[in-house]
Amino acid sequence: MKHAAAIIGRSSNRSFKPDQLAGAGLQYILKAACAKARLLRAALLFIAAMTQPVVFCGCSDMSTALRNKLEQAVDTAMAKYKIPGAIVGVWSPKSGDLVMLKGKADIKTGADMKSADRVRICSITKTFTVTVLLELVDEGKLSLHDTLAKFYPDIPNADRITIQQLCNMTAGIFNYSEDETFLKTYTEDPNKVWTPREQVDLAVAHRPYFPPGEGWHYSNTNTIILGMIIQQLTGNDVGSEIQSRLVDVLKLNSTYYPEGTGIEGAHVHGYLGGEGEELTDGTYLFNPSGMGASGALISNLHDLKTWVISLANGDLLEKDTQAQRTTFVPGDYDYFGITVKYGLGIMSSEGFLGHPGDGLGYTNAAFHSPETGTTIVVFLNKSPNADSYMALTLFTELAKIMNAEDSK
């Protein structure tokens, strides 16, 4: 796991901070995971998974040449990082549709990937949480220019941190999931139910990355605080508000905010393990409350297709609010070699709008281009990998292919 630190990231005012756990603690996490999980006899089953032919479903008027290019990009990523399985959807009004199901959802049982399988979508959850917050802005319950002091005056710099800064990661608040106490407890007591206040208290015990508004640094704490504000304003926890305002409205029938370590219905298993290491099934090892409003949601391919189209088009928000959402922090940010821009709980890359989501065992990306109408969703079931945010890396490759095709 020599590349683990790259996935977790080192602190920098302009570095993109991922939503997994932090720094040197990942080695500790993986050791604890292996101690708590049954190590898999993965070698032969993994070979079987990797030699499974791709299953195409839902192909619609896509040329064989384009289909082959997209499949090659997926094959290359899976082979390079020994990823057991992939679910990838590409939908283009001009160039056609393709869903690729490749490899295994469960190495132990040999279960194949299915398009309806659920996964942990990790930080794609942030897009849901921030959308609920922005709906409350539309309802006049708060303003993006309100300071945090209006809601939680005891948090350091609360009188200077705005709601907008929490949404676009310019608040400077330390990322609680980099705290060593969190790492230790999260791995040694995986069934612990975390409260948002516990996570915030861990974060504010550290110095801020920078004064509010004077830098950019990805921090899960920001979105946890937004979830707390949502609860204060509505009287309901963030999961309930996501359900009633977004999931029910868009009929995302396979999307939900979990309470325990299990996943309802058919689902993809997520695996941990570095180069040369035996894979460990991490699907049920960590309580999702540890990521909460920043990364707890579970969903599937078709729901995320519906969701990311709505997200990118601003279907649930007032026009002016969506315009503010897609006003990005000045400058481009190097996101582990990928150039991105960040707005209010939304990312821009290759002309697409959406968000990646990485956690222990899962790496995902969901993006839509309002200009071309193309949507791309990627699920891979092994994380961390040697290159950080492998699903986002694969997305950018697929997006470049589709941009070239859609521009013909």
Protein backbone atom coordinates (compact mmCIF):
# COMPACT_ATOMS: atom_id res chain seq x y z
CA MET A 1 0.00 0.00 0.00
CA LYS A 2 2.84 2.37 -0.77
CA HIS A 3 0.47 4.64 -2.72
CA ALA A 4 -2.11 4.91 0.03
CA ALA A 5 -0.93 8.32 1.15
CA ALA A 6 -1.54 9.68 -2.34
CA ILE A 7 -5.16 8.63 -2.13
CA ILE A 8 -5.65 10.20 1.25
CA GLY A 9 -3.67 13.29 0.37
CA ARG A 10 -1.31 15.67 2.10
CA SER A 11 -2.50 19.00 3.45
CA SER A 12 -2.17 21.98 1.12
CA ASN A 13 -4.21 25.12 0.71
CA ARG A 14 -4.70 24.28 -2.95
CA SER A 15 -4.66 20.50 -2.90
CA PHE A 16 -7.82 18.49 -3.44
CA LYS A 17 -8.58 16.53 -0.29
CA PRO A 18 -10.28 13.18 -0.92
CA ASP A 19 -13.10 11.82 1.13
CA GLN A 20 -11.54 8.66 2.41
CA LEU A 21 -9.55 8.52 5.59
CA ALA A 22 -6.25 10.28 6.02
CA GLY A 23 -2.52 10.04 5.70
CA ALA A 24 -0.52 7.47 7.56
CA GLY A 25 -3.66 6.05 9.13
CA LEU A 26 -4.60 4.07 6.03
CA GLN A 27 -1.99 1.40 6.68
CA TYR A 28 -3.52 1.10 10.13
CA ILE A 29 -7.01 0.85 8.66
CA LEU A 30 -6.08 -1.90 6.26
CA LYS A 31 -4.39 -3.93 9.01
CA ALA A 32 -7.44 -3.54 11.21
CA ALA A 33 -9.72 -4.44 8.32
CA CYS A 34 -7.76 -7.61 7.68
CA ALA A 35 -7.96 -8.50 11.37
CA LYS A 36 -11.72 -8.05 11.37
CA ALA A 37 -12.53 -9.59 7.99
CA ARG A 38 -12.00 -13.07 6.60
CA LEU A 39 -9.11 -12.86 4.14
CA LEU A 40 -10.22 -14.06 0.74
CA ARG A 41 -8.72 -16.82 -1.30
CA ALA A 42 -8.89 -14.44 -4.20
CA ALA A 43 -6.20 -15.48 -6.65
CA LEU A 44 -8.01 -18.04 -8.84
CA LEU A 45 -11.39 -16.37 -8.45
CA PHE A 46 -9.81 -13.04 -9.35
CA ILE A 47 -8.37 -14.50 -12.53
CA ALA A 48 -11.83 -15.82 -13.34
CA ALA A 49 -13.32 -12.39 -12.68
CA MET A 50 -10.84 -10.66 -14.93
CA THR A 51 -11.38 -13.09 -17.81
CA GLN A 52 -15.15 -12.76 -17.76
CA PRO A 53 -16.32 -11.27 -21.05
CA VAL A 54 -17.93 -7.88 -20.86
CA VAL A 55 -21.71 -7.94 -20.87
CA PHE A 56 -23.33 -5.23 -22.93
CA CYS A 57 -26.85 -4.27 -22.06
CA GLY A 58 -29.04 -1.43 -23.18
CA CYS A 59 -26.94 -0.68 -26.29
CA SER A 60 -28.76 1.79 -28.50
CA ASP A 61 -27.47 2.93 -31.89
CA MET A 62 -23.84 3.05 -30.75
CA SER A 63 -21.25 2.22 -33.38
CA THR A 64 -19.03 -0.82 -32.89
CA ALA A 65 -15.92 1.38 -33.14
CA LEU A 66 -17.08 3.66 -30.33
CA ARG A 67 -18.19 0.73 -28.21
CA ASN A 68 -14.76 -0.85 -28.62
CA LYS A 69 -12.99 2.36 -27.56
CA LEU A 70 -15.08 2.65 -24.42
CA GLU A 71 -14.63 -1.01 -23.55
CA GLN A 72 -10.87 -0.80 -24.05
CA ALA A 73 -10.65 2.10 -21.59
CA VAL A 74 -12.52 0.08 -18.97
CA ASP A 75 -10.47 -3.07 -19.66
CA THR A 76 -7.22 -1.15 -19.31
CA ALA A 77 -8.19 0.35 -15.95
CA MET A 78 -9.35 -2.98 -14.55
CA ALA A 79 -6.26 -4.84 -15.69
CA LYS A 80 -3.82 -2.17 -14.51
CA TYR A 81 -5.25 -2.01 -10.99
CA LYS A 82 -6.58 -5.58 -10.73
CA ILE A 83 -10.11 -4.34 -10.09
CA PRO A 84 -12.54 -7.27 -9.69
CA GLY A 85 -15.60 -5.67 -11.26
CA ALA A 86 -17.00 -2.64 -13.05
CA ILE A 87 -20.39 -1.18 -13.86
CA VAL A 88 -20.12 1.61 -16.41
CA GLY A 89 -22.91 3.46 -18.17
CA VAL A 90 -22.57 5.91 -21.06
CA TRP A 91 -25.66 7.56 -22.52
CA SER A 92 -25.46 10.00 -25.43
CA PRO A 93 -28.39 11.46 -27.39
CA LYS A 94 -26.14 11.69 -30.45
CA SER A 95 -23.78 8.74 -30.20
CA GLY A 96 -25.90 6.09 -28.52
CA ASP A 97 -26.06 4.30 -25.17
CA LEU A 98 -23.97 1.57 -23.60
CA VAL A 99 -23.96 -0.17 -20.23
CA MET A 100 -20.95 -2.39 -19.51
CA LEU A 101 -21.05 -5.02 -16.76
CA LYS A 102 -17.67 -6.61 -16.21
CA GLY A 103 -16.16 -8.96 -13.68
CA LYS A 104 -17.45 -9.91 -10.26
CA ALA A 105 -19.70 -8.24 -7.71
CA ASP A 106 -18.62 -10.83 -5.14
CA ILE A 107 -15.34 -12.70 -5.57
CA LYS A 108 -16.16 -15.35 -2.97
CA THR A 109 -19.47 -16.43 -4.50
CA GLY A 110 -18.52 -15.63 -8.08
CA ALA A 111 -21.61 -13.42 -8.53
CA ASP A 112 -21.46 -11.33 -11.69
CA MET A 113 -22.07 -7.63 -11.85
CA LYS A 114 -25.67 -6.62 -12.58
CA SER A 115 -26.84 -3.19 -13.61
CA ALA A 116 -29.31 -2.97 -10.71
CA ASP A 117 -26.69 -3.78 -8.04
CA ARG A 118 -26.28 -1.19 -5.31
CA VAL A 119 -22.95 0.33 -4.27
CA ARG A 120 -21.73 2.76 -1.64
CA ILE A 121 -21.49 6.04 -3.56
CA CYS A 122 -19.30 7.75 -0.95
CA SER A 123 -18.74 11.48 -1.64
CA ILE A 124 -21.32 11.65 -4.40
CA THR A 125 -23.50 11.96 -1.27
CA LYS A 126 -22.24 15.56 -1.02
CA THR A 127 -24.23 16.50 -4.11
CA PHE A 128 -27.42 15.34 -2.37
CA THR A 129 -26.69 17.10 0.92
CA VAL A 130 -25.83 20.39 -0.75
CA THR A 131 -28.93 20.18 -2.97
CA VAL A 132 -31.13 19.91 0.12
CA LEU A 133 -29.32 22.92 1.59
CA LEU A 134 -29.86 24.91 -1.61
CA GLU A 135 -33.55 24.02 -1.63
CA LEU A 136 -33.75 25.58 1.83
CA VAL A 137 -32.06 28.66 0.39
CA ASP A 138 -34.77 28.78 -2.29
CA GLU A 139 -37.39 28.52 0.45
CA GLY A 140 -35.90 31.52 2.27
CA LYS A 141 -34.81 29.48 5.30
CA LEU A 142 -31.24 30.78 5.01
CA SER A 143 -28.88 32.61 2.67
CA LEU A 144 -25.59 31.53 1.19
CA HIS A 145 -24.15 34.68 2.71
CA ASP A 146 -25.27 33.81 6.24
CA THR A 147 -22.40 33.06 8.57
CA LEU A 148 -22.01 29.85 10.48
CA ALA A 149 -22.40 31.90 13.69
CA LYS A 150 -26.13 32.06 12.96
CA PHE A 151 -26.34 28.31 13.54
CA TYR A 152 -23.27 27.16 15.46
CA PRO A 153 -21.49 30.16 16.99
CA ASP A 154 -19.15 27.94 19.04
CA ILE A 155 -17.27 26.65 15.99
CA PRO A 156 -14.00 28.57 15.52
CA ASN A 157 -14.24 31.35 12.90
CA ALA A 158 -18.03 30.88 12.81
CA ASP A 159 -18.52 34.64 12.47
CA ARG A 160 -16.35 34.63 9.32
CA ILE A 161 -17.33 31.36 7.65
CA THR A 162 -20.29 31.60 5.26
CA ILE A 163 -22.65 28.88 4.10
CA GLN A 164 -21.27 29.36 0.61
CA GLN A 165 -17.73 28.66 1.85
CA LEU A 166 -18.88 25.43 3.47
CA CYS A 167 -20.44 24.37 0.17
CA ASN A 168 -17.44 25.17 -2.04
CA MET A 169 -14.68 24.00 0.33
CA THR A 170 -13.17 27.43 1.02
CA ALA A 171 -14.04 27.51 4.76
CA GLY A 172 -10.63 26.21 5.83
CA ILE A 173 -12.01 23.80 8.46
CA PHE A 174 -9.87 20.73 9.16
CA ASN A 175 -11.06 17.43 7.68
CA TYR A 176 -12.14 15.28 10.66
CA SER A 177 -11.45 12.06 8.74
CA GLU A 178 -7.74 12.91 8.89
CA ASP A 179 -7.81 12.97 12.68
CA GLU A 180 -5.89 10.09 14.29
CA THR A 181 -8.53 9.60 16.99
CA PHE A 182 -11.16 9.17 14.31
CA LEU A 183 -9.00 6.72 12.38
CA LYS A 184 -8.30 4.62 15.45
CA THR A 185 -11.91 4.49 16.62
CA TYR A 186 -13.33 4.01 13.13
CA THR A 187 -11.25 0.88 12.62
CA GLU A 188 -11.20 -0.58 16.15
CA ASP A 189 -14.91 -0.03 16.75
CA PRO A 190 -16.46 -0.25 13.25
CA ASN A 191 -19.99 -0.54 14.60
CA LYS A 192 -19.76 2.75 16.47
CA VAL A 193 -22.52 5.16 15.48
CA TRP A 194 -20.94 8.58 15.02
CA THR A 195 -22.78 11.81 15.68
CA PRO A 196 -22.08 14.84 13.50
CA ARG A 197 -21.11 16.83 16.57
CA GLU A 198 -18.44 14.27 17.48
CA GLN A 199 -16.94 14.61 14.01
CA VAL A 200 -16.98 18.41 14.14
CA ASP A 201 -15.39 18.41 17.60
CA LEU A 202 -12.54 16.27 16.28
CA ALA A 203 -12.06 18.69 13.39
CA VAL A 204 -12.05 21.93 15.35
CA ALA A 205 -9.43 20.59 17.74
CA HIS A 206 -7.03 21.16 14.83
CA ARG A 207 -5.85 24.45 13.37
CA PRO A 208 -7.76 25.57 10.27
CA TYR A 209 -6.03 25.08 6.95
CA PHE A 210 -6.32 28.81 6.22
CA PRO A 211 -8.54 31.79 7.14
CA PRO A 212 -12.08 31.53 5.70
CA GLY A 213 -12.22 32.38 2.02
CA GLU A 214 -8.43 32.54 1.59
CA GLY A 215 -7.81 29.09 0.12
CA TRP A 216 -9.41 25.92 -1.09
CA HIS A 217 -9.20 22.58 0.65
CA TYR A 218 -11.54 19.60 0.38
CA SER A 219 -12.92 18.72 3.81
CA ASN A 220 -15.63 16.28 4.81
CA THR A 221 -16.27 18.41 7.89
CA ASN A 222 -17.82 21.14 5.76
CA THR A 223 -20.57 18.83 4.52
CA ILE A 224 -21.13 17.34 7.98
CA ILE A 225 -21.81 20.87 9.26
CA LEU A 226 -24.23 21.49 6.37
CA GLY A 227 -26.10 18.35 7.46
CA MET A 228 -26.30 19.75 11.00
CA ILE A 229 -27.71 23.02 9.66
CA ILE A 230 -30.29 21.12 7.63
CA GLN A 231 -31.42 19.32 10.77
CA GLN A 232 -31.58 22.55 12.74
CA LEU A 233 -33.74 24.21 10.09
CA THR A 234 -36.07 21.32 9.33
CA GLY A 235 -36.17 19.30 12.53
CA ASN A 236 -35.24 16.20 10.50
CA ASP A 237 -31.93 14.44 10.03
CA VAL A 238 -30.21 14.89 6.70
CA GLY A 239 -31.03 11.36 5.55
CA SER A 240 -34.75 11.98 5.99
CA GLU A 241 -34.56 15.26 4.08
CA ILE A 242 -32.61 13.62 1.24
CA GLN A 243 -35.29 10.92 1.11
CA SER A 244 -38.33 13.22 1.04
CA ARG A 245 -36.93 16.04 -1.07
CA LEU A 246 -34.78 14.20 -3.59
CA VAL A 247 -35.11 10.42 -3.57
CA ASP A 248 -38.92 10.34 -3.45
CA VAL A 249 -39.34 13.23 -5.90
CA LEU A 250 -37.05 11.70 -8.53
CA LYS A 251 -38.20 8.13 -7.77
CA LEU A 252 -34.69 6.93 -6.99
CA ASN A 253 -35.97 3.59 -5.75
CA SER A 254 -32.56 2.04 -5.12
CA THR A 255 -31.09 5.01 -3.26
CA TYR A 256 -31.16 5.33 0.51
CA TYR A 257 -29.31 6.67 3.55
CA PRO A 258 -28.22 3.61 5.57
CA GLU A 259 -28.37 3.22 9.33
CA GLY A 260 -26.14 0.17 9.72
CA THR A 261 -23.22 -1.55 8.04
CA GLY A 262 -25.34 -3.70 5.72
CA ILE A 263 -26.56 -2.97 2.19
CA GLU A 264 -30.15 -3.82 1.28
CA GLY A 265 -30.87 -6.02 -1.72
CA ALA A 266 -28.44 -7.13 -4.43
CA HIS A 267 -25.20 -5.21 -4.14
CA VAL A 268 -21.58 -5.02 -5.17
CA HIS A 269 -18.89 -6.00 -2.66
CA GLY A 270 -16.03 -3.53 -2.20
CA TYR A 271 -12.44 -4.73 -1.80
CA LEU A 272 -9.30 -3.45 -0.10
CA GLY A 273 -5.76 -4.44 -0.97
CA GLY A 274 -2.64 -3.05 -2.54
CA GLU A 275 -0.31 -4.34 -5.22
CA GLY A 276 0.72 -7.89 -4.41
CA GLU A 277 -1.66 -8.11 -1.45
CA GLU A 278 -4.57 -10.47 -1.00
CA LEU A 279 -7.88 -8.68 -1.36
CA THR A 280 -10.05 -8.15 1.70
CA ASP A 281 -13.81 -7.72 1.50
CA GLY A 282 -14.49 -4.36 3.16
CA THR A 283 -18.19 -4.14 2.30
CA TYR A 284 -19.48 -4.29 5.86
CA LEU A 285 -16.43 -3.25 7.88
CA PHE A 286 -17.26 0.39 8.66
CA ASN A 287 -20.38 2.10 9.95
CA PRO A 288 -21.60 4.63 7.34
CA SER A 289 -22.29 7.19 10.07
CA GLY A 290 -18.53 7.71 10.02
CA MET A 291 -19.02 9.55 6.71
CA GLY A 292 -22.58 10.76 7.35
CA ALA A 293 -23.80 13.69 5.24
CA SER A 294 -20.47 13.71 3.42
CA GLY A 295 -20.47 10.14 2.15
CA ALA A 296 -22.99 7.62 3.50
CA LEU A 297 -25.47 7.11 0.65
CA ILE A 298 -26.10 3.87 -1.22
CA SER A 299 -27.42 3.85 -4.80
CA ASN A 300 -27.17 2.10 -8.17
CA LEU A 301 -26.36 2.85 -11.79
CA HIS A 302 -29.79 3.83 -13.04
CA ASP A 303 -30.60 6.01 -10.04
CA LEU A 304 -27.32 7.88 -10.36
CA LYS A 305 -27.94 8.44 -14.05
CA THR A 306 -31.27 10.06 -13.17
CA TRP A 307 -29.74 11.97 -10.28
CA VAL A 308 -26.71 13.43 -12.04
CA ILE A 309 -28.82 14.68 -14.96
CA SER A 310 -31.09 16.48 -12.51
CA LEU A 311 -28.08 17.78 -10.58
CA ALA A 312 -26.28 19.15 -13.63
CA ASN A 313 -29.42 20.74 -15.10
CA GLY A 314 -30.55 22.22 -11.79
CA ASP A 315 -34.01 20.68 -12.11
CA LEU A 316 -34.79 20.94 -8.38
CA LEU A 317 -33.46 24.47 -7.83
CA GLU A 318 -34.36 27.99 -8.84
CA LYS A 319 -32.46 29.19 -11.90
CA ASP A 320 -30.47 31.79 -9.96
CA THR A 321 -29.54 29.25 -7.29
CA GLN A 322 -28.25 26.79 -9.89
CA ALA A 323 -26.23 29.64 -11.43
CA GLN A 324 -24.63 30.26 -8.03
CA ARG A 325 -24.03 26.54 -7.62
CA THR A 326 -22.09 26.39 -10.88
CA THR A 327 -20.05 29.53 -10.16
CA PHE A 328 -16.77 27.79 -9.50
CA VAL A 329 -13.98 28.74 -7.12
CA PRO A 330 -11.51 30.81 -9.19
CA GLY A 331 -8.70 28.76 -10.65
CA ASP A 332 -8.25 25.17 -11.72
CA TYR A 333 -7.32 22.58 -9.13
CA ASP A 334 -5.10 19.61 -9.69
CA TYR A 335 -7.07 16.66 -8.41
CA PHE A 336 -4.34 14.02 -8.45
CA GLY A 337 -3.41 14.87 -12.02
CA ILE A 338 -6.96 15.70 -13.12
CA THR A 339 -7.84 19.34 -13.72
CA VAL A 340 -11.16 20.21 -12.08
CA LYS A 341 -13.19 23.16 -10.88
CA TYR A 342 -15.35 23.11 -7.75
CA GLY A 343 -18.65 24.87 -7.08
CA LEU A 344 -21.34 24.38 -4.45
CA GLY A 345 -21.10 20.65 -3.88
CA ILE A 346 -20.48 20.04 -7.58
CA MET A 347 -17.40 19.49 -9.73
CA SER A 348 -16.64 20.42 -13.33
CA SER A 349 -14.34 18.25 -15.44
CA GLU A 350 -14.06 17.81 -19.22
CA GLY A 351 -17.18 19.93 -19.71
CA PHE A 352 -19.24 17.64 -17.47
CA LEU A 353 -20.83 18.40 -14.09
CA GLY A 354 -21.03 15.90 -11.25
CA HIS A 355 -18.88 14.43 -8.50
CA PRO A 356 -16.59 11.50 -7.72
CA GLY A 357 -16.94 9.36 -4.62
CA ASP A 358 -14.23 7.17 -3.14
CA GLY A 359 -14.26 5.12 0.03
CA LEU A 360 -12.72 1.94 1.33
CA GLY A 361 -13.67 -0.66 -1.26
CA TYR A 362 -15.46 1.58 -3.77
CA THR A 363 -14.45 4.21 -6.32
CA ASN A 364 -17.24 5.96 -8.26
CA ALA A 365 -17.93 8.89 -10.55
CA ALA A 366 -21.17 10.33 -11.95
CA PHE A 367 -21.19 13.20 -14.46
CA HIS A 368 -23.50 14.80 -17.04
CA SER A 369 -22.79 17.32 -19.79
CA PRO A 370 -25.60 19.88 -20.14
CA GLU A 371 -24.08 20.92 -23.47
CA THR A 372 -24.03 17.52 -25.22
CA GLY A 373 -26.57 15.70 -23.07
CA THR A 374 -24.11 12.84 -22.46
CA THR A 375 -24.09 11.10 -19.08
CA ILE A 376 -21.34 8.87 -17.69
CA VAL A 377 -21.50 6.79 -14.49
CA VAL A 378 -18.60 4.63 -13.30
CA PHE A 379 -18.54 2.11 -10.43
CA LEU A 380 -15.37 0.12 -9.62
CA ASN A 381 -15.20 -2.21 -6.63
CA LYS A 382 -11.64 -1.87 -5.40
CA SER A 383 -10.22 1.11 -3.53
CA PRO A 384 -7.65 2.38 -2.77
CA ASN A 385 -5.66 1.90 -5.95
CA ALA A 386 -2.17 2.98 -6.99
CA ASP A 387 -3.64 6.07 -8.66
CA SER A 388 -6.07 8.07 -6.57
CA TYR A 389 -9.71 8.31 -7.55
CA MET A 390 -9.54 5.63 -10.26
CA ALA A 391 -13.21 6.06 -11.21
CA LEU A 392 -12.67 9.77 -11.83
CA THR A 393 -9.57 8.97 -13.89
CA LEU A 394 -11.55 6.48 -15.96
CA PHE A 395 -14.42 8.95 -16.29
CA THR A 396 -12.10 11.58 -17.79
CA GLU A 397 -10.87 9.06 -20.36
CA LEU A 398 -14.44 8.11 -21.28
CA ALA A 399 -15.46 11.80 -21.37
CA LYS A 400 -12.67 12.64 -23.82
CA ILE A 401 -13.78 9.78 -26.07
CA MET A 402 -17.39 10.93 -25.95
CA ASN A 403 -16.57 14.62 -26.43
CA ALA A 404 -14.65 13.74 -29.58
CA GLU A 405 -17.50 11.57 -30.83
CA ASP A 406 -20.29 13.98 -29.93
CA SER A 407 -18.49 16.85 -31.70
CA LYS A 408 -18.43 15.07 -35.06
